[in-house]
């Protein structure tokens, strides 16, 4: 019996350490701000806002539907109670293109926790930032 308990305990504890690594990944939402031509090209501005209870971390890349991903390197602060959900800090990012890229929707992102764990996060729905 004792020989069986130790391997089972090792597997269970190993699984817990993997779960803890995922807890440190920031959870964020994206909000479109503006899109249009400028003197430097076509700019799309959007905000990144952590959800209430999200830990701090990095958003390394934003994944789009039908377009190559964009590296953004945004540091996301934590958002802890008693902060109201809409009052979590917002980070603004600007993407510049040579011309209008057409419809552009965020479908996910690559996040990194403070302990270095990197995960791809798929959004439950697309966020259109350039109609």
N, C-alpha and C. Protein backbone atom coordinates (compact mmCIF):
# COMPACT_ATOMS: atom_id res chain seq x y z
N UNK A 1 0.82 -1.19 0.00
CA UNK A 1 0.00 0.00 0.00
C UNK A 1 0.87 1.26 0.00
N UNK A 2 1.91 1.25 0.83
CA UNK A 2 2.78 2.41 0.95
C UNK A 2 3.48 2.69 -0.38
N UNK A 3 3.83 1.64 -1.13
CA UNK A 3 4.49 1.82 -2.42
C UNK A 3 3.55 2.48 -3.43
N UNK A 4 2.28 2.31 -3.28
CA UNK A 4 1.30 2.90 -4.18
C UNK A 4 1.01 4.36 -3.82
N UNK A 5 1.04 4.70 -2.55
CA UNK A 5 0.69 6.05 -2.10
C UNK A 5 1.71 7.08 -2.57
N UNK A 6 2.98 6.78 -2.49
CA UNK A 6 4.00 7.76 -2.86
C UNK A 6 3.95 8.15 -4.34
N UNK A 7 3.84 7.22 -5.29
CA UNK A 7 3.73 7.64 -6.70
C UNK A 7 2.46 8.45 -6.97
N UNK A 8 1.35 8.05 -6.35
CA UNK A 8 0.10 8.79 -6.55
C UNK A 8 0.24 10.20 -5.98
N UNK A 9 0.83 10.33 -4.81
CA UNK A 9 1.04 11.65 -4.20
C UNK A 9 1.96 12.51 -5.07
N UNK A 10 2.99 11.92 -5.65
CA UNK A 10 3.90 12.68 -6.52
C UNK A 10 3.18 13.20 -7.76
N UNK A 11 2.31 12.39 -8.34
CA UNK A 11 1.55 12.82 -9.53
C UNK A 11 0.59 13.95 -9.16
N UNK A 12 -0.09 13.82 -8.04
CA UNK A 12 -1.04 14.86 -7.61
C UNK A 12 -0.32 16.17 -7.35
N UNK A 13 0.79 16.13 -6.63
CA UNK A 13 1.54 17.35 -6.34
C UNK A 13 2.15 17.94 -7.60
N UNK A 14 2.58 17.11 -8.52
CA UNK A 14 3.09 17.61 -9.80
C UNK A 14 2.02 18.34 -10.58
N UNK A 15 0.81 17.82 -10.57
CA UNK A 15 -0.31 18.49 -11.22
C UNK A 15 -0.63 19.82 -10.58
N UNK A 16 -0.51 19.91 -9.26
CA UNK A 16 -0.78 21.17 -8.56
C UNK A 16 0.23 22.24 -8.97
N UNK A 17 1.48 21.85 -9.13
CA UNK A 17 2.47 22.86 -9.50
C UNK A 17 2.21 23.40 -10.90
N UNK A 18 1.69 22.57 -11.80
CA UNK A 18 1.34 23.06 -13.14
C UNK A 18 0.17 24.02 -13.07
N UNK A 19 -0.81 23.73 -12.22
CA UNK A 19 -1.98 24.59 -12.08
C UNK A 19 -1.58 25.95 -11.52
N UNK A 20 -0.72 25.97 -10.53
CA UNK A 20 -0.30 27.23 -9.92
C UNK A 20 0.39 28.12 -10.94
N UNK A 21 1.15 27.53 -11.88
CA UNK A 21 1.83 28.33 -12.90
C UNK A 21 0.82 29.07 -13.77
N UNK A 22 -0.35 28.48 -14.02
CA UNK A 22 -1.36 29.12 -14.85
C UNK A 22 -2.10 30.24 -14.14
N UNK A 23 -2.11 30.22 -12.82
CA UNK A 23 -2.82 31.25 -12.07
C UNK A 23 -2.19 32.62 -12.29
N UNK A 24 -0.90 32.70 -12.54
CA UNK A 24 -0.21 33.98 -12.69
C UNK A 24 -0.38 34.65 -14.04
N UNK A 25 -1.15 34.09 -14.95
CA UNK A 25 -1.33 34.66 -16.29
C UNK A 25 -2.37 35.78 -16.21
N UNK A 26 -2.04 36.98 -16.70
CA UNK A 26 -3.03 38.07 -16.66
C UNK A 26 -4.22 37.80 -17.57
N UNK A 27 -5.40 38.17 -17.09
CA UNK A 27 -6.64 38.08 -17.87
C UNK A 27 -7.05 39.50 -18.24
N UNK A 28 -7.18 39.76 -19.53
CA UNK A 28 -7.45 41.13 -19.98
C UNK A 28 -8.59 41.17 -20.99
N UNK A 29 -9.12 42.37 -21.17
CA UNK A 29 -10.09 42.63 -22.23
C UNK A 29 -9.52 43.71 -23.12
N UNK A 30 -9.97 43.75 -24.35
CA UNK A 30 -9.51 44.73 -25.33
C UNK A 30 -10.68 45.63 -25.71
N UNK A 31 -10.40 46.92 -25.83
CA UNK A 31 -11.42 47.90 -26.21
C UNK A 31 -10.91 48.73 -27.37
N UNK A 32 -11.65 48.83 -28.48
CA UNK A 32 -11.23 49.70 -29.58
C UNK A 32 -11.35 51.16 -29.15
N UNK A 33 -10.41 52.00 -29.60
CA UNK A 33 -10.44 53.43 -29.30
C UNK A 33 -10.67 54.23 -30.57
N UNK A 34 -9.78 54.06 -31.55
CA UNK A 34 -9.93 54.79 -32.81
C UNK A 34 -9.16 54.08 -33.92
N UNK A 35 -9.51 54.42 -35.14
CA UNK A 35 -8.81 53.89 -36.31
C UNK A 35 -8.97 54.88 -37.44
N UNK A 36 -7.87 55.15 -38.15
CA UNK A 36 -7.97 56.06 -39.28
C UNK A 36 -6.61 56.48 -39.79
N UNK A 37 -6.61 57.19 -40.92
CA UNK A 37 -5.35 57.64 -41.52
C UNK A 37 -4.72 58.76 -40.71
N UNK A 38 -3.39 58.75 -40.67
CA UNK A 38 -2.60 59.82 -40.03
C UNK A 38 -1.45 60.15 -40.96
N UNK A 39 -0.62 61.09 -40.55
CA UNK A 39 0.53 61.47 -41.38
C UNK A 39 1.56 60.34 -41.46
N UNK A 40 1.55 59.42 -40.49
CA UNK A 40 2.53 58.33 -40.50
C UNK A 40 1.97 57.03 -41.06
N UNK A 41 0.74 57.02 -41.53
CA UNK A 41 0.13 55.81 -42.08
C UNK A 41 -1.27 55.65 -41.55
N UNK A 42 -1.71 54.42 -41.44
CA UNK A 42 -3.04 54.12 -40.91
C UNK A 42 -2.86 53.60 -39.48
N UNK A 43 -3.43 54.30 -38.50
CA UNK A 43 -3.24 53.93 -37.10
C UNK A 43 -4.51 53.35 -36.51
N UNK A 44 -4.33 52.28 -35.74
CA UNK A 44 -5.41 51.67 -34.98
C UNK A 44 -5.01 51.74 -33.51
N UNK A 45 -5.85 52.37 -32.70
CA UNK A 45 -5.58 52.54 -31.28
C UNK A 45 -6.58 51.68 -30.50
N UNK A 46 -6.06 50.91 -29.53
CA UNK A 46 -6.93 50.10 -28.68
C UNK A 46 -6.39 50.09 -27.26
N UNK A 47 -7.26 49.73 -26.32
CA UNK A 47 -6.88 49.66 -24.91
C UNK A 47 -6.84 48.21 -24.45
N UNK A 48 -5.96 47.97 -23.49
CA UNK A 48 -5.87 46.68 -22.81
C UNK A 48 -6.22 46.97 -21.35
N UNK A 49 -7.18 46.24 -20.81
CA UNK A 49 -7.60 46.47 -19.43
C UNK A 49 -7.70 45.13 -18.71
N UNK A 50 -6.99 44.99 -17.56
CA UNK A 50 -7.10 43.73 -16.82
C UNK A 50 -8.48 43.57 -16.19
N UNK A 51 -8.91 42.33 -16.07
CA UNK A 51 -10.15 42.04 -15.36
C UNK A 51 -9.90 42.14 -13.86
N UNK A 52 -10.94 42.40 -13.10
CA UNK A 52 -10.84 42.45 -11.65
C UNK A 52 -10.32 41.11 -11.13
N UNK A 53 -9.29 41.15 -10.32
CA UNK A 53 -8.67 39.94 -9.78
C UNK A 53 -7.50 39.43 -10.60
N UNK A 54 -7.22 40.06 -11.73
CA UNK A 54 -6.12 39.62 -12.59
C UNK A 54 -4.78 40.00 -11.97
N UNK A 55 -3.81 39.08 -12.02
CA UNK A 55 -2.46 39.43 -11.55
C UNK A 55 -1.72 40.26 -12.60
N UNK A 56 -0.62 40.84 -12.19
CA UNK A 56 0.19 41.59 -13.15
C UNK A 56 0.98 40.61 -14.02
N UNK A 57 1.42 41.10 -15.17
CA UNK A 57 2.18 40.28 -16.10
C UNK A 57 2.43 41.05 -17.38
N UNK A 58 2.73 40.35 -18.45
CA UNK A 58 3.01 40.97 -19.74
C UNK A 58 2.10 40.39 -20.81
N UNK A 59 1.65 41.26 -21.72
CA UNK A 59 0.98 40.81 -22.94
C UNK A 59 2.04 40.96 -24.02
N UNK A 60 2.55 39.84 -24.49
CA UNK A 60 3.65 39.85 -25.45
C UNK A 60 3.19 40.06 -26.88
N UNK A 61 2.03 39.51 -27.21
CA UNK A 61 1.57 39.50 -28.60
C UNK A 61 0.05 39.49 -28.64
N UNK A 62 -0.49 40.12 -29.66
CA UNK A 62 -1.93 40.09 -29.91
C UNK A 62 -2.15 39.30 -31.19
N UNK A 63 -3.08 38.35 -31.16
CA UNK A 63 -3.39 37.51 -32.32
C UNK A 63 -4.66 38.01 -33.00
N UNK A 64 -4.61 38.10 -34.33
CA UNK A 64 -5.73 38.62 -35.12
C UNK A 64 -6.35 37.54 -35.98
N UNK A 65 -7.58 37.78 -36.37
CA UNK A 65 -8.26 36.91 -37.33
C UNK A 65 -7.89 37.38 -38.73
N UNK A 66 -7.24 36.52 -39.51
CA UNK A 66 -6.91 36.84 -40.88
C UNK A 66 -5.75 37.79 -41.08
N UNK A 67 -4.95 38.01 -40.06
CA UNK A 67 -3.78 38.90 -40.17
C UNK A 67 -2.67 38.35 -39.28
N UNK A 68 -1.41 38.68 -39.58
CA UNK A 68 -0.32 38.22 -38.73
C UNK A 68 -0.41 38.82 -37.33
N UNK A 69 0.11 38.12 -36.32
CA UNK A 69 0.09 38.67 -34.96
C UNK A 69 0.98 39.90 -34.85
N UNK A 70 0.72 40.71 -33.81
CA UNK A 70 1.51 41.91 -33.56
C UNK A 70 2.15 41.81 -32.18
N UNK A 71 3.46 42.00 -32.11
CA UNK A 71 4.16 42.04 -30.83
C UNK A 71 3.93 43.41 -30.20
N UNK A 72 3.47 43.42 -28.94
CA UNK A 72 3.17 44.71 -28.31
C UNK A 72 3.93 44.93 -27.01
N UNK A 73 4.34 43.89 -26.30
CA UNK A 73 5.12 44.05 -25.08
C UNK A 73 4.50 44.98 -24.06
N UNK A 74 3.24 44.77 -23.71
CA UNK A 74 2.56 45.65 -22.76
C UNK A 74 2.62 45.06 -21.36
N UNK A 75 3.10 45.85 -20.41
CA UNK A 75 3.11 45.45 -19.01
C UNK A 75 1.73 45.74 -18.43
N UNK A 76 1.10 44.72 -17.86
CA UNK A 76 -0.25 44.86 -17.32
C UNK A 76 -0.19 44.84 -15.80
N UNK A 77 -0.67 45.90 -15.13
CA UNK A 77 -0.68 45.90 -13.66
C UNK A 77 -1.80 45.02 -13.13
N UNK A 78 -1.67 44.59 -11.88
CA UNK A 78 -2.73 43.80 -11.28
C UNK A 78 -3.94 44.68 -11.00
N UNK A 79 -5.09 44.07 -10.87
CA UNK A 79 -6.32 44.78 -10.56
C UNK A 79 -7.03 44.01 -9.46
N UNK A 80 -6.89 44.49 -8.24
CA UNK A 80 -7.42 43.77 -7.09
C UNK A 80 -8.58 44.52 -6.45
N UNK A 81 -9.49 43.79 -5.77
CA UNK A 81 -10.55 44.46 -5.02
C UNK A 81 -9.92 45.37 -3.97
N UNK A 82 -10.51 46.46 -3.61
CA UNK A 82 -11.88 46.89 -3.83
C UNK A 82 -12.06 47.72 -5.10
N UNK A 83 -11.17 47.62 -6.07
CA UNK A 83 -11.32 48.35 -7.32
C UNK A 83 -12.60 47.92 -8.03
N UNK A 84 -13.35 48.89 -8.53
CA UNK A 84 -14.53 48.56 -9.33
C UNK A 84 -14.07 47.97 -10.66
N UNK A 85 -14.78 47.00 -11.23
CA UNK A 85 -14.33 46.34 -12.46
C UNK A 85 -13.97 47.29 -13.60
N UNK A 86 -14.74 48.35 -13.79
CA UNK A 86 -14.46 49.28 -14.88
C UNK A 86 -13.33 50.25 -14.58
N UNK A 87 -12.85 50.26 -13.32
CA UNK A 87 -11.79 51.19 -12.92
C UNK A 87 -10.40 50.59 -12.96
N UNK A 88 -10.27 49.36 -13.40
CA UNK A 88 -8.93 48.76 -13.51
C UNK A 88 -8.12 49.58 -14.51
N UNK A 89 -6.80 49.67 -14.32
CA UNK A 89 -5.97 50.50 -15.20
C UNK A 89 -6.06 50.08 -16.67
N UNK A 90 -5.97 51.06 -17.55
CA UNK A 90 -6.02 50.81 -18.99
C UNK A 90 -4.68 51.16 -19.62
N UNK A 91 -4.24 50.32 -20.53
CA UNK A 91 -2.99 50.54 -21.27
C UNK A 91 -3.37 50.75 -22.72
N UNK A 92 -2.91 51.85 -23.30
CA UNK A 92 -3.24 52.16 -24.70
C UNK A 92 -2.10 51.72 -25.60
N UNK A 93 -2.44 51.08 -26.70
CA UNK A 93 -1.46 50.66 -27.69
C UNK A 93 -1.90 51.13 -29.07
N UNK A 94 -0.92 51.49 -29.90
CA UNK A 94 -1.18 51.95 -31.27
C UNK A 94 -0.46 51.05 -32.25
N UNK A 95 -1.19 50.58 -33.25
CA UNK A 95 -0.61 49.82 -34.35
C UNK A 95 -0.62 50.71 -35.58
N UNK A 96 0.50 50.79 -36.30
CA UNK A 96 0.58 51.62 -37.50
C UNK A 96 0.82 50.74 -38.72
N UNK A 97 0.01 50.96 -39.75
CA UNK A 97 0.11 50.22 -41.01
C UNK A 97 0.36 51.21 -42.14
N UNK A 98 0.90 50.73 -43.24
CA UNK A 98 1.13 51.58 -44.41
C UNK A 98 -0.17 52.06 -45.03
N UNK A 99 -1.20 51.22 -44.97
CA UNK A 99 -2.52 51.57 -45.48
C UNK A 99 -3.56 50.84 -44.63
N UNK A 100 -4.82 51.10 -44.88
CA UNK A 100 -5.89 50.47 -44.12
C UNK A 100 -5.80 48.95 -44.30
N UNK A 101 -5.62 48.19 -43.20
CA UNK A 101 -5.50 46.74 -43.32
C UNK A 101 -6.84 46.03 -43.53
N UNK A 102 -7.92 46.78 -43.53
CA UNK A 102 -9.24 46.16 -43.65
C UNK A 102 -9.74 45.73 -42.29
N UNK A 103 -10.79 44.92 -42.26
CA UNK A 103 -11.34 44.48 -40.98
C UNK A 103 -10.27 43.76 -40.15
N UNK A 104 -10.16 44.15 -38.89
CA UNK A 104 -9.16 43.56 -38.01
C UNK A 104 -9.81 43.25 -36.67
N UNK A 105 -9.73 41.99 -36.25
CA UNK A 105 -10.34 41.56 -35.00
C UNK A 105 -9.33 40.80 -34.17
N UNK A 106 -9.26 41.12 -32.88
CA UNK A 106 -8.40 40.40 -31.95
C UNK A 106 -9.11 39.11 -31.55
N UNK A 107 -8.41 37.98 -31.67
CA UNK A 107 -8.99 36.69 -31.30
C UNK A 107 -8.27 36.05 -30.11
N UNK A 108 -7.15 36.63 -29.68
CA UNK A 108 -6.42 36.09 -28.55
C UNK A 108 -5.14 36.86 -28.31
N UNK A 109 -4.37 36.38 -27.34
CA UNK A 109 -3.11 37.03 -27.01
C UNK A 109 -2.15 36.04 -26.38
N UNK A 110 -0.87 36.40 -26.36
CA UNK A 110 0.15 35.61 -25.70
C UNK A 110 0.56 36.39 -24.46
N UNK A 111 0.41 35.75 -23.29
CA UNK A 111 0.70 36.41 -22.02
C UNK A 111 1.83 35.71 -21.30
N UNK A 112 2.54 36.48 -20.48
CA UNK A 112 3.62 35.93 -19.66
C UNK A 112 3.40 36.35 -18.22
N UNK A 113 3.46 35.38 -17.31
CA UNK A 113 3.32 35.68 -15.89
C UNK A 113 4.64 36.21 -15.35
N UNK A 114 4.61 36.70 -14.12
CA UNK A 114 5.83 37.22 -13.51
C UNK A 114 6.87 36.13 -13.26
N UNK A 115 6.43 34.86 -13.19
CA UNK A 115 7.40 33.79 -13.00
C UNK A 115 7.93 33.23 -14.32
N UNK A 116 7.54 33.88 -15.46
CA UNK A 116 8.08 33.50 -16.75
C UNK A 116 7.24 32.53 -17.56
N UNK A 117 6.13 32.04 -17.01
CA UNK A 117 5.26 31.12 -17.73
C UNK A 117 4.58 31.86 -18.88
N UNK A 118 4.63 31.28 -20.07
CA UNK A 118 4.01 31.90 -21.26
C UNK A 118 2.84 31.02 -21.70
N UNK A 119 1.70 31.66 -21.97
CA UNK A 119 0.51 30.94 -22.41
C UNK A 119 -0.19 31.70 -23.53
N UNK A 120 -0.79 30.96 -24.45
CA UNK A 120 -1.65 31.54 -25.48
C UNK A 120 -3.06 31.53 -24.92
N UNK A 121 -3.71 32.69 -24.94
CA UNK A 121 -5.07 32.83 -24.43
C UNK A 121 -5.98 33.14 -25.61
N UNK A 122 -6.98 32.31 -25.83
CA UNK A 122 -7.97 32.54 -26.89
C UNK A 122 -9.18 33.24 -26.29
N UNK A 123 -9.62 34.32 -26.91
CA UNK A 123 -10.78 35.05 -26.41
C UNK A 123 -12.06 34.29 -26.74
N UNK A 124 -13.09 34.42 -25.90
CA UNK A 124 -14.36 33.73 -26.19
C UNK A 124 -15.07 34.29 -27.42
N UNK A 125 -14.76 35.52 -27.80
CA UNK A 125 -15.34 36.14 -28.99
C UNK A 125 -14.35 37.13 -29.57
N UNK A 126 -14.53 37.48 -30.82
CA UNK A 126 -13.63 38.45 -31.45
C UNK A 126 -13.90 39.86 -30.95
N UNK A 127 -12.83 40.67 -30.87
CA UNK A 127 -12.96 42.08 -30.54
C UNK A 127 -12.53 42.86 -31.79
N UNK A 128 -13.47 43.47 -32.46
CA UNK A 128 -13.17 44.20 -33.70
C UNK A 128 -12.56 45.55 -33.34
N UNK A 129 -11.33 45.79 -33.83
CA UNK A 129 -10.67 47.07 -33.56
C UNK A 129 -10.55 47.93 -34.81
N UNK A 130 -10.85 47.36 -35.98
CA UNK A 130 -10.90 48.13 -37.22
C UNK A 130 -12.03 47.56 -38.07
N UNK A 131 -13.17 48.25 -38.08
CA UNK A 131 -14.33 47.70 -38.80
C UNK A 131 -14.14 47.66 -40.31
